[in-house]
Amino acid sequence: TSMLTAKEFLLLGDRLHAAEAARAGLCNRVV
């Protein structure tokens, strides 16, 4: 994902729900 996105979620520890993870490039399919 982008460095800004990596910093946001690694520093804050927020959850990326499946649809958001797909948009961020962290998963390929949501089913």
Full PDB file with SEQRES, HELIX, SHEET, SSBOND, CRYST1, ORIGX, SCALE, CONECT and MASTER records, all heavy atoms in Angstrom:
SEQRES   1 A   31  THR SER MET LEU THR ALA LYS GLU PHE LEU LEU LEU GLY          
SEQRES   2 A   31  ASP ARG LEU HIS ALA ALA GLU ALA ALA ARG ALA GLY LEU          
SEQRES   3 A   31  CYS ASN ARG VAL VAL                                          
HELIX    1 AA1 MET A    3  LEU A   12  1                                  10    
HELIX    2 AA2 ALA A   18  ALA A   24  1                                   7    
CRYST1    1.000    1.000    1.000  90.00  90.00  90.00 P 1           1          
ORIGX1      1.000000  0.000000  0.000000        0.00000                         
ORIGX2      0.000000  1.000000  0.000000        0.00000                         
ORIGX3      0.000000  0.000000  1.000000        0.00000                         
SCALE1      1.000000  0.000000  0.000000        0.00000                         
SCALE2      0.000000  1.000000  0.000000        0.00000                         
SCALE3      0.000000  0.000000  1.000000        0.00000                         
ATOM      1  N   THR A   1       0.859  -1.165   0.000  1.00  0.00           N  
ATOM      2  CA  THR A   1       0.000   0.000   0.000  1.00  0.00           C  
ATOM      3  C   THR A   1       0.902   1.222   0.000  1.00  0.00           C  
ATOM      4  O   THR A   1       2.103   1.105  -0.184  1.00  0.00           O  
ATOM      5  CB  THR A   1      -0.951  -0.048   1.212  1.00  0.00           C  
ATOM      6  OG1 THR A   1      -1.875   1.029   1.133  1.00  0.00           O  
ATOM      7  CG2 THR A   1      -0.214  -0.008   2.528  1.00  0.00           C  
ATOM      8  N   SER A   2       0.354   2.401   0.173  1.00  0.00           N  
ATOM      9  CA  SER A   2       1.206   3.591   0.186  1.00  0.00           C  
ATOM     10  C   SER A   2       1.922   3.722   1.529  1.00  0.00           C  
ATOM     11  O   SER A   2       1.481   3.184   2.545  1.00  0.00           O  
ATOM     12  CB  SER A   2       0.374   4.845  -0.066  1.00  0.00           C  
ATOM     13  OG  SER A   2      -0.425   5.153   1.063  1.00  0.00           O  
ATOM     14  N   MET A   3       3.017   4.469   1.549  1.00  0.00           N  
ATOM     15  CA  MET A   3       3.728   4.700   2.798  1.00  0.00           C  
ATOM     16  C   MET A   3       2.841   5.436   3.799  1.00  0.00           C  
ATOM     17  O   MET A   3       2.858   5.140   5.004  1.00  0.00           O  
ATOM     18  CB  MET A   3       5.005   5.499   2.538  1.00  0.00           C  
ATOM     19  CG  MET A   3       5.829   5.785   3.789  1.00  0.00           C  
ATOM     20  SD  MET A   3       6.456   4.282   4.604  1.00  0.00           S  
ATOM     21  CE  MET A   3       7.864   3.922   3.552  1.00  0.00           C  
ATOM     22  N   LEU A   4       2.032   6.384   3.310  1.00  0.00           N  
ATOM     23  CA  LEU A   4       1.147   7.108   4.221  1.00  0.00           C  
ATOM     24  C   LEU A   4       0.129   6.169   4.859  1.00  0.00           C  
ATOM     25  O   LEU A   4      -0.146   6.262   6.057  1.00  0.00           O  
ATOM     26  CB  LEU A   4       0.425   8.235   3.479  1.00  0.00           C  
ATOM     27  CG  LEU A   4       1.254   9.482   3.168  1.00  0.00           C  
ATOM     28  CD1 LEU A   4       0.424  10.475   2.358  1.00  0.00           C  
ATOM     29  CD2 LEU A   4       1.765  10.145   4.446  1.00  0.00           C  
ATOM     30  N   THR A   5      -0.430   5.250   4.067  1.00  0.00           N  
ATOM     31  CA  THR A   5      -1.385   4.290   4.618  1.00  0.00           C  
ATOM     32  C   THR A   5      -0.700   3.351   5.605  1.00  0.00           C  
ATOM     33  O   THR A   5      -1.241   3.040   6.671  1.00  0.00           O  
ATOM     34  CB  THR A   5      -2.052   3.493   3.492  1.00  0.00           C  
ATOM     35  OG1 THR A   5      -2.749   4.397   2.632  1.00  0.00           O  
ATOM     36  CG2 THR A   5      -3.029   2.472   4.037  1.00  0.00           C  
ATOM     37  N   ALA A   6       0.502   2.898   5.252  1.00  0.00           N  
ATOM     38  CA  ALA A   6       1.255   2.036   6.164  1.00  0.00           C  
ATOM     39  C   ALA A   6       1.494   2.739   7.491  1.00  0.00           C  
ATOM     40  O   ALA A   6       1.310   2.154   8.575  1.00  0.00           O  
ATOM     41  CB  ALA A   6       2.575   1.623   5.528  1.00  0.00           C  
ATOM     42  N   LYS A   7       1.903   4.002   7.432  1.00  0.00           N  
ATOM     43  CA  LYS A   7       2.162   4.743   8.670  1.00  0.00           C  
ATOM     44  C   LYS A   7       0.882   4.912   9.477  1.00  0.00           C  
ATOM     45  O   LYS A   7       0.892   4.774  10.713  1.00  0.00           O  
ATOM     46  CB  LYS A   7       2.765   6.104   8.339  1.00  0.00           C  
ATOM     47  CG  LYS A   7       4.199   6.027   7.851  1.00  0.00           C  
ATOM     48  CD  LYS A   7       4.742   7.404   7.484  1.00  0.00           C  
ATOM     49  CE  LYS A   7       6.198   7.326   7.031  1.00  0.00           C  
ATOM     50  NZ  LYS A   7       6.728   8.642   6.620  1.00  0.00           N  
ATOM     51  N   GLU A   8      -0.217   5.223   8.813  1.00  0.00           N  
ATOM     52  CA  GLU A   8      -1.481   5.424   9.538  1.00  0.00           C  
ATOM     53  C   GLU A   8      -1.861   4.183  10.335  1.00  0.00           C  
ATOM     54  O   GLU A   8      -2.141   4.256  11.540  1.00  0.00           O  
ATOM     55  CB  GLU A   8      -2.601   5.770   8.554  1.00  0.00           C  
ATOM     56  CG  GLU A   8      -3.967   5.878   9.227  1.00  0.00           C  
ATOM     57  CD  GLU A   8      -5.103   6.151   8.259  1.00  0.00           C  
ATOM     58  OE1 GLU A   8      -4.812   6.402   7.056  1.00  0.00           O  
ATOM     59  OE2 GLU A   8      -6.272   6.094   8.690  1.00  0.00           O  
ATOM     60  N   PHE A   9      -1.867   3.037   9.667  1.00  0.00           N  
ATOM     61  CA  PHE A   9      -2.419   1.854  10.327  1.00  0.00           C  
ATOM     62  C   PHE A   9      -1.407   1.132  11.203  1.00  0.00           C  
ATOM     63  O   PHE A   9      -1.801   0.455  12.161  1.00  0.00           O  
ATOM     64  CB  PHE A   9      -3.038   0.927   9.277  1.00  0.00           C  
ATOM     65  CG  PHE A   9      -4.334   1.461   8.739  1.00  0.00           C  
ATOM     66  CD1 PHE A   9      -4.367   2.197   7.556  1.00  0.00           C  
ATOM     67  CD2 PHE A   9      -5.515   1.280   9.441  1.00  0.00           C  
ATOM     68  CE1 PHE A   9      -5.558   2.709   7.071  1.00  0.00           C  
ATOM     69  CE2 PHE A   9      -6.709   1.796   8.967  1.00  0.00           C  
ATOM     70  CZ  PHE A   9      -6.735   2.521   7.787  1.00  0.00           C  
ATOM     71  N   LEU A  10      -0.114   1.265  10.925  1.00  0.00           N  
ATOM     72  CA  LEU A  10       0.876   0.669  11.830  1.00  0.00           C  
ATOM     73  C   LEU A  10       1.071   1.523  13.079  1.00  0.00           C  
ATOM     74  O   LEU A  10       1.310   0.996  14.170  1.00  0.00           O  
ATOM     75  CB  LEU A  10       2.206   0.466  11.106  1.00  0.00           C  
ATOM     76  CG  LEU A  10       2.231  -0.638  10.045  1.00  0.00           C  
ATOM     77  CD1 LEU A  10       3.584  -0.682   9.341  1.00  0.00           C  
ATOM     78  CD2 LEU A  10       1.915  -2.008  10.648  1.00  0.00           C  
ATOM     79  N   LEU A  11       0.986   2.828  12.941  1.00  0.00           N  
ATOM     80  CA  LEU A  11       1.161   3.689  14.109  1.00  0.00           C  
ATOM     81  C   LEU A  11      -0.101   3.742  14.968  1.00  0.00           C  
ATOM     82  O   LEU A  11      -0.012   3.694  16.203  1.00  0.00           O  
ATOM     83  CB  LEU A  11       1.570   5.098  13.676  1.00  0.00           C  
ATOM     84  CG  LEU A  11       2.977   5.219  13.086  1.00  0.00           C  
ATOM     85  CD1 LEU A  11       3.205   6.625  12.524  1.00  0.00           C  
ATOM     86  CD2 LEU A  11       4.046   4.889  14.127  1.00  0.00           C  
ATOM     87  N   LEU A  12      -1.259   3.837  14.344  1.00  0.00           N  
ATOM     88  CA  LEU A  12      -2.501   3.953  15.110  1.00  0.00           C  
ATOM     89  C   LEU A  12      -3.085   2.597  15.488  1.00  0.00           C  
ATOM     90  O   LEU A  12      -3.854   2.507  16.447  1.00  0.00           O  
ATOM     91  CB  LEU A  12      -3.534   4.757  14.319  1.00  0.00           C  
ATOM     92  CG  LEU A  12      -3.169   6.214  14.031  1.00  0.00           C  
ATOM     93  CD1 LEU A  12      -4.255   6.880  13.203  1.00  0.00           C  
ATOM     94  CD2 LEU A  12      -2.939   6.991  15.341  1.00  0.00           C  
ATOM     95  N   GLY A  13      -2.772   1.557  14.739  1.00  0.00           N  
ATOM     96  CA  GLY A  13      -3.284   0.225  15.054  1.00  0.00           C  
ATOM     97  C   GLY A  13      -4.750   0.030  14.739  1.00  0.00           C  
ATOM     98  O   GLY A  13      -5.362  -0.930  15.217  1.00  0.00           O  
ATOM     99  N   ASP A  14      -5.346   0.927  13.945  1.00  0.00           N  
ATOM    100  CA  ASP A  14      -6.767   0.800  13.615  1.00  0.00           C  
ATOM    101  C   ASP A  14      -7.026  -0.435  12.764  1.00  0.00           C  
ATOM    102  O   ASP A  14      -6.137  -0.934  12.074  1.00  0.00           O  
ATOM    103  CB  ASP A  14      -7.250   2.036  12.856  1.00  0.00           C  
ATOM    104  CG  ASP A  14      -7.272   3.290  13.716  1.00  0.00           C  
ATOM    105  OD1 ASP A  14      -7.228   3.156  14.959  1.00  0.00           O  
ATOM    106  OD2 ASP A  14      -7.344   4.398  13.148  1.00  0.00           O  
ATOM    107  N   ARG A  15      -8.251  -0.882  12.808  1.00  0.00           N  
ATOM    108  CA  ARG A  15      -8.658  -2.036  12.003  1.00  0.00           C  
ATOM    109  C   ARG A  15      -8.930  -1.625  10.567  1.00  0.00           C  
ATOM    110  O   ARG A  15      -9.530  -0.576  10.311  1.00  0.00           O  
ATOM    111  CB  ARG A  15      -9.923  -2.662  12.580  1.00  0.00           C  
ATOM    112  CG  ARG A  15      -9.745  -3.245  13.972  1.00  0.00           C  
ATOM    113  CD  ARG A  15     -11.069  -3.799  14.476  1.00  0.00           C  
ATOM    114  NE  ARG A  15     -10.908  -4.414  15.792  1.00  0.00           N  
ATOM    115  CZ  ARG A  15     -11.897  -5.009  16.467  1.00  0.00           C  
ATOM    116  NH1 ARG A  15     -13.124  -5.067  15.928  1.00  0.00           N  
ATOM    117  NH2 ARG A  15     -11.660  -5.551  17.652  1.00  0.00           N  
ATOM    118  N   LEU A  16      -8.493  -2.463   9.639  1.00  0.00           N  
ATOM    119  CA  LEU A  16      -8.909  -2.341   8.247  1.00  0.00           C  
ATOM    120  C   LEU A  16      -9.888  -3.477   7.972  1.00  0.00           C  
ATOM    121  O   LEU A  16      -9.481  -4.639   7.877  1.00  0.00           O  
ATOM    122  CB  LEU A  16      -7.725  -2.456   7.284  1.00  0.00           C  
ATOM    123  CG  LEU A  16      -6.792  -1.278   7.166  1.00  0.00           C  
ATOM    124  CD1 LEU A  16      -5.560  -1.524   8.041  1.00  0.00           C  
ATOM    125  CD2 LEU A  16      -6.352  -1.087   5.736  1.00  0.00           C  
ATOM    126  N   HIS A  17     -11.152  -3.141   7.888  1.00  0.00           N  
ATOM    127  CA  HIS A  17     -12.130  -4.161   7.542  1.00  0.00           C  
ATOM    128  C   HIS A  17     -11.939  -4.573   6.086  1.00  0.00           C  
ATOM    129  O   HIS A  17     -11.296  -3.873   5.306  1.00  0.00           O  
ATOM    130  CB  HIS A  17     -13.532  -3.645   7.834  1.00  0.00           C  
ATOM    131  CG  HIS A  17     -13.783  -3.486   9.303  1.00  0.00           C  
ATOM    132  ND1 HIS A  17     -14.157  -4.536  10.108  1.00  0.00           N  
ATOM    133  CD2 HIS A  17     -13.645  -2.414  10.120  1.00  0.00           C  
ATOM    134  CE1 HIS A  17     -14.269  -4.118  11.356  1.00  0.00           C  
ATOM    135  NE2 HIS A  17     -13.967  -2.833  11.394  1.00  0.00           N  
ATOM    136  N   ALA A  18     -12.483  -5.700   5.740  1.00  0.00           N  
ATOM    137  CA  ALA A  18     -12.126  -6.363   4.489  1.00  0.00           C  
ATOM    138  C   ALA A  18     -12.244  -5.445   3.273  1.00  0.00           C  
ATOM    139  O   ALA A  18     -11.325  -5.374   2.452  1.00  0.00           O  
ATOM    140  CB  ALA A  18     -12.992  -7.609   4.308  1.00  0.00           C  
ATOM    141  N   ALA A  19     -13.359  -4.744   3.144  1.00  0.00           N  
ATOM    142  CA  ALA A  19     -13.545  -3.886   1.968  1.00  0.00           C  
ATOM    143  C   ALA A  19     -12.488  -2.794   1.930  1.00  0.00           C  
ATOM    144  O   ALA A  19     -11.955  -2.457   0.866  1.00  0.00           O  
ATOM    145  CB  ALA A  19     -14.949  -3.284   1.981  1.00  0.00           C  
ATOM    146  N   GLU A  20     -12.166  -2.230   3.094  1.00  0.00           N  
ATOM    147  CA  GLU A  20     -11.142  -1.190   3.156  1.00  0.00           C  
ATOM    148  C   GLU A  20      -9.765  -1.770   2.855  1.00  0.00           C  
ATOM    149  O   GLU A  20      -8.935  -1.132   2.183  1.00  0.00           O  
ATOM    150  CB  GLU A  20     -11.156  -0.534   4.534  1.00  0.00           C  
ATOM    151  CG  GLU A  20     -10.268   0.685   4.659  1.00  0.00           C  
ATOM    152  CD  GLU A  20     -10.406   1.372   6.000  1.00  0.00           C  
ATOM    153  OE1 GLU A  20     -11.013   0.784   6.926  1.00  0.00           O  
ATOM    154  OE2 GLU A  20      -9.901   2.508   6.119  1.00  0.00           O  
ATOM    155  N   ALA A  21      -9.492  -2.981   3.337  1.00  0.00           N  
ATOM    156  CA  ALA A  21      -8.216  -3.632   3.045  1.00  0.00           C  
ATOM    157  C   ALA A  21      -8.055  -3.859   1.547  1.00  0.00           C  
ATOM    158  O   ALA A  21      -6.966  -3.690   0.993  1.00  0.00           O  
ATOM    159  CB  ALA A  21      -8.124  -4.963   3.799  1.00  0.00           C  
ATOM    160  N   ALA A  22      -9.151  -4.220   0.873  1.00  0.00           N  
ATOM    161  CA  ALA A  22      -9.088  -4.414  -0.580  1.00  0.00           C  
ATOM    162  C   ALA A  22      -8.780  -3.095  -1.280  1.00  0.00           C  
ATOM    163  O   ALA A  22      -7.953  -3.045  -2.194  1.00  0.00           O  
ATOM    164  CB  ALA A  22     -10.406  -5.004  -1.082  1.00  0.00           C  
ATOM    165  N   ARG A  23      -9.425  -2.016  -0.838  1.00  0.00           N  
ATOM    166  CA  ARG A  23      -9.170  -0.709  -1.464  1.00  0.00           C  
ATOM    167  C   ARG A  23      -7.733  -0.266  -1.238  1.00  0.00           C  
ATOM    168  O   ARG A  23      -7.129   0.396  -2.081  1.00  0.00           O  
ATOM    169  CB  ARG A  23     -10.143   0.338  -0.922  1.00  0.00           C  
ATOM    170  CG  ARG A  23     -11.570   0.178  -1.419  1.00  0.00           C  
ATOM    171  CD  ARG A  23     -12.398   1.399  -1.108  1.00  0.00           C  
ATOM    172  NE  ARG A  23     -12.566   1.609   0.325  1.00  0.00           N  
ATOM    173  CZ  ARG A  23     -13.566   1.107   1.032  1.00  0.00           C  
ATOM    174  NH1 ARG A  23     -14.488   0.332   0.446  1.00  0.00           N  
ATOM    175  NH2 ARG A  23     -13.668   1.354   2.317  1.00  0.00           N  
ATOM    176  N   ALA A  24      -7.168  -0.640  -0.087  1.00  0.00           N  
ATOM    177  CA  ALA A  24      -5.801  -0.235   0.247  1.00  0.00           C  
ATOM    178  C   ALA A  24      -4.750  -1.105  -0.422  1.00  0.00           C  
ATOM    179  O   ALA A  24      -3.555  -0.812  -0.337  1.00  0.00           O  
ATOM    180  CB  ALA A  24      -5.604  -0.267   1.764  1.00  0.00           C  
ATOM    181  N   GLY A  25      -5.160  -2.182  -1.074  1.00  0.00           N  
ATOM    182  CA  GLY A  25      -4.209  -3.069  -1.738  1.00  0.00           C  
ATOM    183  C   GLY A  25      -3.664  -4.165  -0.856  1.00  0.00           C  
ATOM    184  O   GLY A  25      -2.663  -4.805  -1.197  1.00  0.00           O  
ATOM    185  N   LEU A  26      -4.331  -4.430   0.267  1.00  0.00           N  
ATOM    186  CA  LEU A  26      -3.861  -5.438   1.213  1.00  0.00           C  
ATOM    187  C   LEU A  26      -4.588  -6.772   1.078  1.00  0.00           C  
ATOM    188  O   LEU A  26      -4.259  -7.721   1.785  1.00  0.00           O  
ATOM    189  CB  LEU A  26      -3.991  -4.915   2.645  1.00  0.00           C  
ATOM    190  CG  LEU A  26      -3.068  -3.738   2.978  1.00  0.00           C  
ATOM    191  CD1 LEU A  26      -3.484  -3.099   4.286  1.00  0.00           C  
ATOM    192  CD2 LEU A  26      -1.618  -4.183   3.041  1.00  0.00           C  
ATOM    193  N   CYS A  27      -5.587  -6.857   0.220  1.00  0.00           N  
ATOM    194  CA  CYS A  27      -6.180  -8.156  -0.095  1.00  0.00           C  
ATOM    195  C   CYS A  27      -6.688  -8.126  -1.527  1.00  0.00           C  
ATOM    196  O   CYS A  27      -6.922  -7.050  -2.100  1.00  0.00           O  
ATOM    197  CB  CYS A  27      -7.270  -8.550   0.903  1.00  0.00           C  
ATOM    198  SG  CYS A  27      -8.918  -7.959   0.567  1.00  0.00           S  
ATOM    199  N   ASN A  28      -6.847  -9.333  -2.096  1.00  0.00           N  
ATOM    200  CA  ASN A  28      -7.237  -9.463  -3.501  1.00  0.00           C  
ATOM    201  C   ASN A  28      -8.721  -9.654  -3.699  1.00  0.00           C  
ATOM    202  O   ASN A  28      -9.287  -9.167  -4.682  1.00  0.00           O  
ATOM    203  CB  ASN A  28      -6.513 -10.659  -4.131  1.00  0.00           C  
ATOM    204  CG  ASN A  28      -5.009 -10.532  -4.075  1.00  0.00           C  
ATOM    205  OD1 ASN A  28      -4.393 -10.916  -3.094  1.00  0.00           O  
ATOM    206  ND2 ASN A  28      -4.414  -9.976  -5.129  1.00  0.00           N  
ATOM    207  N   ARG A  29      -9.362 -10.415  -2.804  1.00  0.00           N  
ATOM    208  CA  ARG A  29     -10.779 -10.714  -2.949  1.00  0.00           C  
ATOM    209  C   ARG A  29     -11.455 -10.665  -1.583  1.00  0.00           C  
ATOM    210  O   ARG A  29     -10.888 -11.102  -0.583  1.00  0.00           O  
ATOM    211  CB  ARG A  29     -11.001 -12.114  -3.544  1.00  0.00           C  
ATOM    212  CG  ARG A  29     -10.425 -12.323  -4.928  1.00  0.00           C  
ATOM    213  CD  ARG A  29     -11.208 -11.558  -5.993  1.00  0.00           C  
ATOM    214  NE  ARG A  29     -10.773 -11.915  -7.340  1.00  0.00           N  
ATOM    215  CZ  ARG A  29      -9.694 -11.391  -7.947  1.00  0.00           C  
ATOM    216  NH1 ARG A  29      -8.953 -10.491  -7.309  1.00  0.00           N  
ATOM    217  NH2 ARG A  29      -9.365 -11.780  -9.174  1.00  0.00           N  
ATOM    218  N   VAL A  30     -12.698 -10.153  -1.579  1.00  0.00           N  
ATOM    219  CA  VAL A  30     -13.549 -10.177  -0.392  1.00  0.00           C  
ATOM    220  C   VAL A  30     -14.777 -11.011  -0.746  1.00  0.00           C  
ATOM    221  O   VAL A  30     -15.438 -10.757  -1.764  1.00  0.00           O  
ATOM    222  CB  VAL A  30     -13.972  -8.756   0.026  1.00  0.00           C  
ATOM    223  CG1 VAL A  30     -14.922  -8.818   1.226  1.00  0.00           C  
ATOM    224  CG2 VAL A  30     -12.750  -7.912   0.361  1.00  0.00           C  
ATOM    225  N   VAL A  31     -15.080 -12.023   0.085  1.00  0.00           N  
ATOM    226  CA  VAL A  31     -16.162 -12.955  -0.228  1.00  0.00           C  
ATOM    227  C   VAL A  31     -17.004 -13.192   1.023  1.00  0.00           C  
ATOM    228  O   VAL A  31     -16.569 -12.896   2.150  1.00  0.00           O  
ATOM    229  CB  VAL A  31     -15.605 -14.301  -0.750  1.00  0.00           C  
ATOM    230  CG1 VAL A  31     -14.800 -14.097  -2.023  1.00  0.00           C  
ATOM    231  CG2 VAL A  31     -14.766 -15.001   0.309  1.00  0.00           C  
TER     232      VAL A  31                                                      
MASTER        0    0    0    2    0    0    0    6  231    1    0    3          
END                                                                             
